[in-house]
N, C-alpha and C. Protein backbone atom coordinates (compact mmCIF):
# COMPACT_ATOMS: atom_id res chain seq x y z
N MET A 1 9.32 12.50 13.11
CA MET A 1 10.67 12.54 12.55
C MET A 1 11.24 11.13 12.50
N PHE A 2 11.79 10.75 11.37
CA PHE A 2 12.39 9.43 11.27
C PHE A 2 13.88 9.52 11.55
N PHE A 3 14.49 8.38 11.75
CA PHE A 3 15.86 8.30 12.22
C PHE A 3 16.71 7.52 11.25
N ASP A 4 18.04 7.61 11.43
CA ASP A 4 18.89 6.76 10.61
C ASP A 4 18.77 5.32 11.11
N SER A 5 19.30 4.40 10.34
CA SER A 5 19.11 2.97 10.62
C SER A 5 19.60 2.55 11.99
N SER A 6 20.74 3.08 12.43
CA SER A 6 21.28 2.66 13.72
C SER A 6 20.39 3.12 14.88
N VAL A 7 19.83 4.31 14.78
CA VAL A 7 18.94 4.82 15.83
C VAL A 7 17.60 4.09 15.77
N ALA A 8 17.13 3.80 14.57
CA ALA A 8 15.83 3.14 14.41
C ALA A 8 15.82 1.77 15.07
N ARG A 9 16.95 1.09 15.10
CA ARG A 9 17.02 -0.24 15.70
C ARG A 9 16.83 -0.21 17.21
N GLN A 10 16.87 0.96 17.81
CA GLN A 10 16.69 1.09 19.26
C GLN A 10 15.21 1.03 19.66
N PHE A 11 14.32 1.18 18.70
CA PHE A 11 12.89 1.20 18.99
C PHE A 11 12.26 -0.14 18.61
N SER A 12 11.17 -0.47 19.28
CA SER A 12 10.39 -1.61 18.81
C SER A 12 9.72 -1.18 17.50
N TYR A 13 9.34 -2.14 16.68
CA TYR A 13 8.73 -1.80 15.40
C TYR A 13 7.43 -1.01 15.58
N PRO A 14 6.53 -1.43 16.49
CA PRO A 14 5.31 -0.63 16.70
C PRO A 14 5.63 0.80 17.18
N GLU A 15 6.64 0.93 18.03
CA GLU A 15 7.02 2.26 18.51
C GLU A 15 7.58 3.10 17.37
N PHE A 16 8.38 2.49 16.51
CA PHE A 16 8.93 3.20 15.35
C PHE A 16 7.80 3.69 14.46
N LEU A 17 6.83 2.82 14.18
CA LEU A 17 5.70 3.22 13.32
C LEU A 17 4.88 4.32 13.97
N ALA A 18 4.70 4.25 15.29
CA ALA A 18 3.94 5.29 16.00
C ALA A 18 4.67 6.63 15.95
N ARG A 19 5.98 6.60 16.13
CA ARG A 19 6.77 7.84 16.10
C ARG A 19 6.81 8.45 14.69
N ASN A 20 6.62 7.62 13.70
CA ASN A 20 6.70 8.06 12.31
C ASN A 20 5.38 7.87 11.59
N ALA A 21 4.29 8.07 12.31
CA ALA A 21 2.96 7.82 11.75
C ALA A 21 2.69 8.64 10.49
N ASP A 22 3.14 9.89 10.48
CA ASP A 22 2.91 10.73 9.30
C ASP A 22 3.61 10.16 8.07
N MET A 23 4.88 9.79 8.24
CA MET A 23 5.63 9.26 7.10
C MET A 23 5.10 7.89 6.69
N GLU A 24 4.73 7.06 7.66
CA GLU A 24 4.18 5.74 7.33
C GLU A 24 2.85 5.90 6.59
N GLY A 25 2.03 6.85 7.03
CA GLY A 25 0.78 7.13 6.33
C GLY A 25 1.03 7.60 4.91
N LYS A 26 2.02 8.46 4.75
CA LYS A 26 2.39 8.94 3.42
C LYS A 26 2.88 7.77 2.55
N ARG A 27 3.68 6.89 3.13
CA ARG A 27 4.20 5.73 2.39
C ARG A 27 3.06 4.82 1.94
N LEU A 28 2.15 4.51 2.85
CA LEU A 28 1.03 3.63 2.51
C LEU A 28 0.11 4.26 1.46
N GLU A 29 -0.12 5.56 1.59
CA GLU A 29 -0.94 6.27 0.60
C GLU A 29 -0.26 6.23 -0.77
N TRP A 30 1.04 6.48 -0.80
CA TRP A 30 1.80 6.48 -2.04
C TRP A 30 1.74 5.10 -2.69
N LEU A 31 1.95 4.05 -1.90
CA LEU A 31 1.98 2.69 -2.45
C LEU A 31 0.62 2.23 -2.95
N SER A 32 -0.45 2.82 -2.43
CA SER A 32 -1.80 2.40 -2.83
C SER A 32 -2.27 3.06 -4.12
N LYS A 33 -1.48 3.94 -4.70
CA LYS A 33 -1.90 4.68 -5.89
C LYS A 33 -1.87 3.87 -7.18
N GLY A 34 -1.20 2.74 -7.17
CA GLY A 34 -1.09 1.96 -8.40
C GLY A 34 -0.39 0.66 -8.14
N PRO A 35 0.15 0.04 -9.20
CA PRO A 35 0.87 -1.23 -9.01
C PRO A 35 2.02 -1.05 -8.01
N LEU A 36 2.10 -1.95 -7.06
CA LEU A 36 3.05 -1.82 -5.96
C LEU A 36 4.49 -1.67 -6.44
N GLU A 37 4.89 -2.48 -7.42
CA GLU A 37 6.28 -2.40 -7.86
C GLU A 37 6.62 -1.04 -8.45
N ASP A 38 5.70 -0.44 -9.20
CA ASP A 38 5.94 0.89 -9.77
C ASP A 38 5.92 1.96 -8.70
N GLN A 39 4.98 1.86 -7.79
CA GLN A 39 4.85 2.88 -6.74
C GLN A 39 6.04 2.84 -5.79
N ARG A 40 6.54 1.65 -5.48
CA ARG A 40 7.68 1.55 -4.56
C ARG A 40 8.91 2.22 -5.15
N THR A 41 9.22 1.95 -6.40
CA THR A 41 10.39 2.58 -7.00
C THR A 41 10.18 4.08 -7.15
N SER A 42 8.97 4.50 -7.42
CA SER A 42 8.66 5.93 -7.50
C SER A 42 8.85 6.58 -6.13
N PHE A 43 8.40 5.92 -5.08
CA PHE A 43 8.55 6.42 -3.71
C PHE A 43 10.02 6.59 -3.35
N LEU A 44 10.86 5.69 -3.82
CA LEU A 44 12.28 5.70 -3.46
C LEU A 44 13.11 6.70 -4.26
N ARG A 45 12.48 7.49 -5.09
CA ARG A 45 13.22 8.52 -5.82
C ARG A 45 13.43 9.77 -4.97
N ASN A 46 12.79 9.82 -3.82
CA ASN A 46 12.93 10.94 -2.90
C ASN A 46 13.90 10.53 -1.79
N ASP A 47 14.93 11.36 -1.54
CA ASP A 47 15.96 11.01 -0.55
C ASP A 47 15.38 10.80 0.85
N ASP A 48 14.40 11.62 1.25
CA ASP A 48 13.79 11.45 2.57
C ASP A 48 13.08 10.10 2.68
N HIS A 49 12.46 9.70 1.60
CA HIS A 49 11.75 8.42 1.59
C HIS A 49 12.75 7.26 1.68
N VAL A 50 13.89 7.41 1.03
CA VAL A 50 14.93 6.38 1.11
C VAL A 50 15.42 6.23 2.54
N VAL A 51 15.70 7.35 3.20
CA VAL A 51 16.16 7.31 4.59
C VAL A 51 15.10 6.63 5.46
N TYR A 52 13.84 6.97 5.24
CA TYR A 52 12.76 6.36 6.02
C TYR A 52 12.70 4.85 5.77
N GLU A 53 12.74 4.43 4.51
CA GLU A 53 12.65 3.01 4.20
C GLU A 53 13.83 2.23 4.77
N LEU A 54 15.03 2.81 4.72
CA LEU A 54 16.19 2.15 5.31
C LEU A 54 16.02 2.02 6.82
N SER A 55 15.50 3.06 7.44
CA SER A 55 15.26 3.03 8.89
C SER A 55 14.18 2.02 9.24
N ARG A 56 13.10 2.01 8.46
CA ARG A 56 12.00 1.08 8.71
C ARG A 56 12.49 -0.36 8.57
N ALA A 57 13.27 -0.63 7.53
CA ALA A 57 13.78 -1.99 7.32
C ALA A 57 14.73 -2.40 8.45
N ALA A 58 15.57 -1.48 8.90
CA ALA A 58 16.48 -1.80 10.01
C ALA A 58 15.71 -2.10 11.28
N CYS A 59 14.69 -1.31 11.56
CA CYS A 59 13.88 -1.52 12.75
C CYS A 59 13.10 -2.84 12.64
N LEU A 60 12.56 -3.12 11.47
CA LEU A 60 11.83 -4.37 11.27
C LEU A 60 12.77 -5.57 11.43
N ALA A 61 13.99 -5.46 10.91
CA ALA A 61 14.97 -6.54 11.06
C ALA A 61 15.26 -6.80 12.54
N LYS A 62 15.43 -5.74 13.30
CA LYS A 62 15.67 -5.88 14.74
C LYS A 62 14.47 -6.54 15.42
N HIS A 63 13.27 -6.15 15.02
CA HIS A 63 12.04 -6.72 15.58
C HIS A 63 11.98 -8.23 15.31
N VAL A 64 12.31 -8.63 14.10
CA VAL A 64 12.29 -10.05 13.74
C VAL A 64 13.38 -10.80 14.51
N GLU A 65 14.58 -10.20 14.61
CA GLU A 65 15.65 -10.82 15.39
C GLU A 65 15.22 -11.03 16.84
N ASP A 66 14.58 -10.02 17.41
CA ASP A 66 14.10 -10.13 18.79
C ASP A 66 13.07 -11.25 18.94
N SER A 67 12.21 -11.40 17.94
CA SER A 67 11.20 -12.47 17.97
C SER A 67 11.87 -13.84 17.92
N ILE A 68 12.89 -13.98 17.10
CA ILE A 68 13.63 -15.25 17.02
C ILE A 68 14.31 -15.53 18.35
N ASN A 69 14.92 -14.50 18.93
CA ASN A 69 15.59 -14.67 20.23
C ASN A 69 14.60 -15.07 21.32
N GLU A 70 13.40 -14.52 21.27
CA GLU A 70 12.37 -14.88 22.26
C GLU A 70 11.97 -16.35 22.10
N LEU A 71 11.85 -16.82 20.87
CA LEU A 71 11.55 -18.23 20.64
C LEU A 71 12.67 -19.12 21.18
N ASN A 72 13.91 -18.69 20.98
CA ASN A 72 15.05 -19.44 21.51
C ASN A 72 14.99 -19.49 23.04
N ARG A 73 14.66 -18.36 23.66
CA ARG A 73 14.57 -18.28 25.11
C ARG A 73 13.47 -19.23 25.62
N LEU A 74 12.35 -19.25 24.92
CA LEU A 74 11.26 -20.15 25.32
C LEU A 74 11.66 -21.62 25.19
N ASP A 75 12.43 -21.95 24.16
CA ASP A 75 12.90 -23.33 24.01
C ASP A 75 13.79 -23.72 25.19
N VAL A 76 14.59 -22.79 25.68
CA VAL A 76 15.46 -23.07 26.82
C VAL A 76 14.64 -23.20 28.10
N SER A 77 13.71 -22.28 28.31
CA SER A 77 12.97 -22.27 29.58
C SER A 77 11.82 -23.29 29.62
N GLU A 78 11.16 -23.53 28.50
CA GLU A 78 9.98 -24.41 28.49
C GLU A 78 10.23 -25.75 27.80
N GLY A 79 11.36 -25.88 27.16
CA GLY A 79 11.64 -27.11 26.43
C GLY A 79 11.37 -26.94 24.94
N PHE A 80 11.90 -27.85 24.19
CA PHE A 80 11.81 -27.83 22.74
C PHE A 80 10.37 -27.93 22.27
N SER A 81 10.05 -27.18 21.20
CA SER A 81 8.71 -27.21 20.62
C SER A 81 8.82 -27.18 19.10
N VAL A 82 8.18 -28.12 18.45
CA VAL A 82 8.18 -28.17 16.98
C VAL A 82 7.53 -26.92 16.41
N GLU A 83 6.47 -26.46 17.06
CA GLU A 83 5.78 -25.25 16.60
C GLU A 83 6.73 -24.04 16.60
N ARG A 84 7.54 -23.92 17.64
CA ARG A 84 8.49 -22.80 17.71
C ARG A 84 9.58 -22.94 16.64
N VAL A 85 9.98 -24.17 16.35
CA VAL A 85 10.97 -24.39 15.29
C VAL A 85 10.42 -23.89 13.96
N GLN A 86 9.16 -24.22 13.68
CA GLN A 86 8.54 -23.77 12.44
C GLN A 86 8.42 -22.25 12.39
N LYS A 87 8.04 -21.64 13.51
CA LYS A 87 7.96 -20.18 13.57
C LYS A 87 9.33 -19.56 13.35
N ARG A 88 10.34 -20.15 13.99
CA ARG A 88 11.70 -19.62 13.87
C ARG A 88 12.19 -19.72 12.43
N GLN A 89 11.87 -20.82 11.76
CA GLN A 89 12.27 -20.97 10.35
C GLN A 89 11.58 -19.92 9.48
N SER A 90 10.31 -19.69 9.71
CA SER A 90 9.58 -18.68 8.94
C SER A 90 10.14 -17.29 9.21
N LEU A 91 10.40 -17.01 10.47
CA LEU A 91 10.97 -15.70 10.82
C LEU A 91 12.37 -15.54 10.23
N GLY A 92 13.14 -16.61 10.22
CA GLY A 92 14.48 -16.56 9.63
C GLY A 92 14.43 -16.23 8.15
N LYS A 93 13.49 -16.85 7.44
CA LYS A 93 13.33 -16.55 6.00
C LYS A 93 12.89 -15.11 5.80
N PHE A 94 11.98 -14.64 6.64
CA PHE A 94 11.51 -13.26 6.53
C PHE A 94 12.65 -12.29 6.86
N LEU A 95 13.47 -12.62 7.84
CA LEU A 95 14.61 -11.76 8.19
C LEU A 95 15.56 -11.62 7.01
N VAL A 96 15.82 -12.71 6.31
CA VAL A 96 16.67 -12.65 5.12
C VAL A 96 16.06 -11.70 4.09
N ASP A 97 14.74 -11.78 3.91
CA ASP A 97 14.06 -10.89 2.96
C ASP A 97 14.16 -9.43 3.39
N VAL A 98 13.99 -9.17 4.69
CA VAL A 98 14.07 -7.79 5.19
C VAL A 98 15.47 -7.23 4.97
N LEU A 99 16.49 -8.01 5.28
CA LEU A 99 17.87 -7.55 5.08
C LEU A 99 18.17 -7.35 3.60
N ASP A 100 17.64 -8.23 2.75
CA ASP A 100 17.82 -8.09 1.31
C ASP A 100 17.10 -6.84 0.81
N TYR A 101 15.92 -6.57 1.36
CA TYR A 101 15.17 -5.36 0.99
C TYR A 101 15.97 -4.11 1.37
N HIS A 102 16.53 -4.10 2.57
CA HIS A 102 17.35 -2.97 3.03
C HIS A 102 18.48 -2.73 2.04
N ASP A 103 19.14 -3.80 1.62
CA ASP A 103 20.24 -3.69 0.67
C ASP A 103 19.75 -3.23 -0.70
N ALA A 104 18.59 -3.72 -1.13
CA ALA A 104 18.04 -3.32 -2.44
C ALA A 104 17.66 -1.84 -2.45
N VAL A 105 17.11 -1.34 -1.34
CA VAL A 105 16.78 0.08 -1.25
C VAL A 105 18.05 0.92 -1.37
N ARG A 106 19.07 0.51 -0.65
CA ARG A 106 20.34 1.25 -0.70
C ARG A 106 20.92 1.21 -2.12
N MET A 107 20.86 0.04 -2.74
CA MET A 107 21.38 -0.12 -4.10
C MET A 107 20.58 0.73 -5.10
N TYR A 108 19.27 0.71 -4.99
CA TYR A 108 18.41 1.49 -5.88
C TYR A 108 18.67 2.98 -5.71
N SER A 109 18.81 3.40 -4.46
CA SER A 109 19.08 4.80 -4.17
C SER A 109 20.42 5.23 -4.78
N TRP A 110 21.42 4.38 -4.61
CA TRP A 110 22.74 4.70 -5.16
C TRP A 110 22.68 4.80 -6.68
N ALA A 111 21.99 3.87 -7.32
CA ALA A 111 21.91 3.84 -8.78
C ALA A 111 21.14 5.03 -9.33
N ASN A 112 20.23 5.59 -8.54
CA ASN A 112 19.45 6.74 -8.99
C ASN A 112 19.95 8.06 -8.41
N GLY A 113 21.12 8.02 -7.78
CA GLY A 113 21.64 9.20 -7.09
C GLY A 113 22.29 10.20 -8.01
N GLU A 114 23.42 10.66 -7.58
CA GLU A 114 24.11 11.76 -8.24
C GLU A 114 24.72 11.41 -9.59
N SER A 115 24.77 10.15 -9.93
CA SER A 115 25.45 9.77 -11.17
C SER A 115 24.51 9.90 -12.36
N HIS A 116 24.41 11.10 -12.89
CA HIS A 116 23.59 11.33 -14.07
C HIS A 116 24.51 11.39 -15.28
N PRO A 117 24.12 10.76 -16.37
CA PRO A 117 24.98 10.74 -17.54
C PRO A 117 25.34 12.15 -18.00
N GLY A 118 26.58 12.34 -18.26
CA GLY A 118 27.08 13.61 -18.75
C GLY A 118 28.31 13.35 -19.59
N PRO A 119 28.84 14.40 -20.20
CA PRO A 119 29.99 14.20 -21.07
C PRO A 119 31.22 13.67 -20.33
N GLU A 120 31.30 13.92 -19.00
CA GLU A 120 32.46 13.48 -18.24
C GLU A 120 32.35 12.03 -17.77
N MET A 121 31.17 11.43 -17.90
CA MET A 121 31.00 10.05 -17.44
C MET A 121 31.44 9.06 -18.51
N HIS A 122 32.13 8.07 -18.08
CA HIS A 122 32.60 7.01 -18.96
C HIS A 122 31.40 6.11 -19.32
N PRO A 123 31.31 5.66 -20.56
CA PRO A 123 30.19 4.79 -20.96
C PRO A 123 30.05 3.54 -20.09
N ASP A 124 31.17 3.01 -19.62
CA ASP A 124 31.09 1.83 -18.73
C ASP A 124 30.40 2.17 -17.42
N GLN A 125 30.63 3.38 -16.90
CA GLN A 125 29.99 3.79 -15.65
C GLN A 125 28.49 3.98 -15.85
N ILE A 126 28.11 4.55 -16.98
CA ILE A 126 26.69 4.72 -17.29
C ILE A 126 26.02 3.35 -17.37
N LYS A 127 26.68 2.39 -18.04
CA LYS A 127 26.13 1.03 -18.15
C LYS A 127 26.04 0.37 -16.77
N GLN A 128 27.07 0.54 -15.94
CA GLN A 128 27.06 -0.06 -14.61
C GLN A 128 25.92 0.52 -13.76
N ASP A 129 25.71 1.83 -13.83
CA ASP A 129 24.62 2.45 -13.08
C ASP A 129 23.27 1.91 -13.55
N ARG A 130 23.11 1.76 -14.87
CA ARG A 130 21.87 1.23 -15.41
C ARG A 130 21.66 -0.22 -14.94
N ASP A 131 22.73 -1.02 -14.98
CA ASP A 131 22.63 -2.41 -14.52
C ASP A 131 22.28 -2.49 -13.04
N TYR A 132 22.87 -1.61 -12.22
CA TYR A 132 22.54 -1.57 -10.79
C TYR A 132 21.07 -1.23 -10.59
N ARG A 133 20.59 -0.25 -11.34
CA ARG A 133 19.20 0.18 -11.22
C ARG A 133 18.26 -0.96 -11.59
N ILE A 134 18.57 -1.67 -12.66
CA ILE A 134 17.74 -2.79 -13.10
C ILE A 134 17.75 -3.91 -12.05
N LYS A 135 18.94 -4.26 -11.56
CA LYS A 135 19.04 -5.32 -10.56
C LYS A 135 18.32 -4.94 -9.27
N ALA A 136 18.48 -3.70 -8.83
CA ALA A 136 17.80 -3.24 -7.61
C ALA A 136 16.29 -3.25 -7.79
N THR A 137 15.83 -2.82 -8.95
CA THR A 137 14.39 -2.80 -9.22
C THR A 137 13.82 -4.21 -9.20
N GLU A 138 14.53 -5.17 -9.80
CA GLU A 138 14.08 -6.56 -9.77
C GLU A 138 14.00 -7.08 -8.34
N ARG A 139 14.99 -6.76 -7.53
CA ARG A 139 14.98 -7.21 -6.13
C ARG A 139 13.83 -6.57 -5.36
N LEU A 140 13.57 -5.29 -5.61
CA LEU A 140 12.46 -4.62 -4.93
C LEU A 140 11.13 -5.23 -5.33
N HIS A 141 10.98 -5.58 -6.59
CA HIS A 141 9.73 -6.22 -7.05
C HIS A 141 9.55 -7.58 -6.37
N PHE A 142 10.64 -8.33 -6.23
CA PHE A 142 10.57 -9.65 -5.61
C PHE A 142 10.23 -9.56 -4.12
N LEU A 143 10.63 -8.46 -3.48
CA LEU A 143 10.47 -8.32 -2.03
C LEU A 143 9.30 -7.42 -1.66
N GLN A 144 8.21 -7.49 -2.41
CA GLN A 144 7.06 -6.62 -2.17
C GLN A 144 6.44 -6.82 -0.80
N HIS A 145 6.59 -7.98 -0.22
CA HIS A 145 5.95 -8.29 1.06
C HIS A 145 6.64 -7.64 2.26
N VAL A 146 7.78 -6.98 2.06
CA VAL A 146 8.50 -6.38 3.20
C VAL A 146 7.91 -5.02 3.51
């Protein structure tokens, strides 16, 4: 069983993946069926998958934050290290990508949610939803490594 984002952050990333092995296996199987960018957006059309991806991204972000904090702790206890600075910079860039991915999943989910074109929808709202979907899809394609 997967958790919402706030609960997911309480687990280490390996523990989260172990607790959600079935869903992670399903996600990996789904993503391996074709081009990653197409499969990822297809996977996110299911509400349960969106909740899982948001939880996974939140847990991964916490894991990366903890790794950065550990490097900071080592710098204090063992002294400054250029190698740790480089690792911290790489982790910082990856953390930005993970947080951006979390936001892109939420944005994509919202754009594909309940707002289906109908006679009561204003044309501007339909255009805005389409623009959100396009922007979210572009961000998801850019963040394939998350």
